[in-house]
Amino acid sequence: MSFPRFKLVPGHIDVDVPGWELTGDRLSGERIMECHELFHPHDHAADVEAALQWADRVIGSKQIWTHVSDRNRLEHWEAGTLADNTDGPEPTPADIRALIAEADALQERIRNVEHRLAGSEETRHSVFRLDDAAGRLTAVSEALEETAGELARVRAVRDGSVCAVPWGVCPEHGNTLISTGGRTRCSQLACGRSWDYDRLGVPCGEPLTHKVTDAAGESFRACKAHAMDATERLIGGTVTPLDKADQ
């Protein structure tokens, strides 16, 4: 689960002094802890708007603020997440799947609001947009899951334990794949294999079985299907099975 980078909370900043407290962490790692008295004590909407603008100025950039109410109906505003640092480590499949959990939780919250509004004769006419919004989050989760799967395959290739040829193959028929719309299938009619991702667009990832050496003496390890393809295309090189210890 991602946590907000910035929080803006209304409350008492001193004895009998109502105001706003801004806390958070800039991308540089600098901690923010700032307070300000109410901007418009007698106009809540104007006060909130002014507080958000003040927070943007303190942070140094315009934020997208989300209004949050907890179970006790205490409100505050949140912006950004601790995963926003684009200079940090590369996201992992687990990071992507954490986004899936957030999307699923949001979908559940939307369905809950939809159900509550649908129970009233006065408000049930307004819920059709919520049904559409919740449905779109299903597609979001599916896209994130496919991304996490592709990232996992790329990371597996990096450690050298699987075939790292930068395009996929059919494990049985070799260089016979066709990819459209993010899906891939083997073009051999008798095969029937298909994959729910762009297998041509990511590194292979099949088990290592052969060593391929070209005419100049350069070599790499490959899977059975890529070795088979190399046998048909290689001029003056060799393709030899790996010893068990090298696989």
Foldseek 3Di string as FASTA:
>chain_A
DWDFQKKKFWDAPDVVFTWIWIWGAALVRDTDTDIDGFPDVVDVVVSVVVSQVVNCVVNVHRWDWDWDADPVRGIIIGTHTPPPNPPDDDDALVNLVVVLVVLVVVLVVLVVVLVVQCVDPVRNVPSPVSVVVSVVSVVVSVVSNQVNVLRVLQVLVVVVQAFFPFFEADLPAANQWDDDPQKIDGPPPVPGDIGNGRRGRGGHNHGWWKWKAAQVGDIDTHHPRVLVVCVVVGDNIDIGTDDPVVD
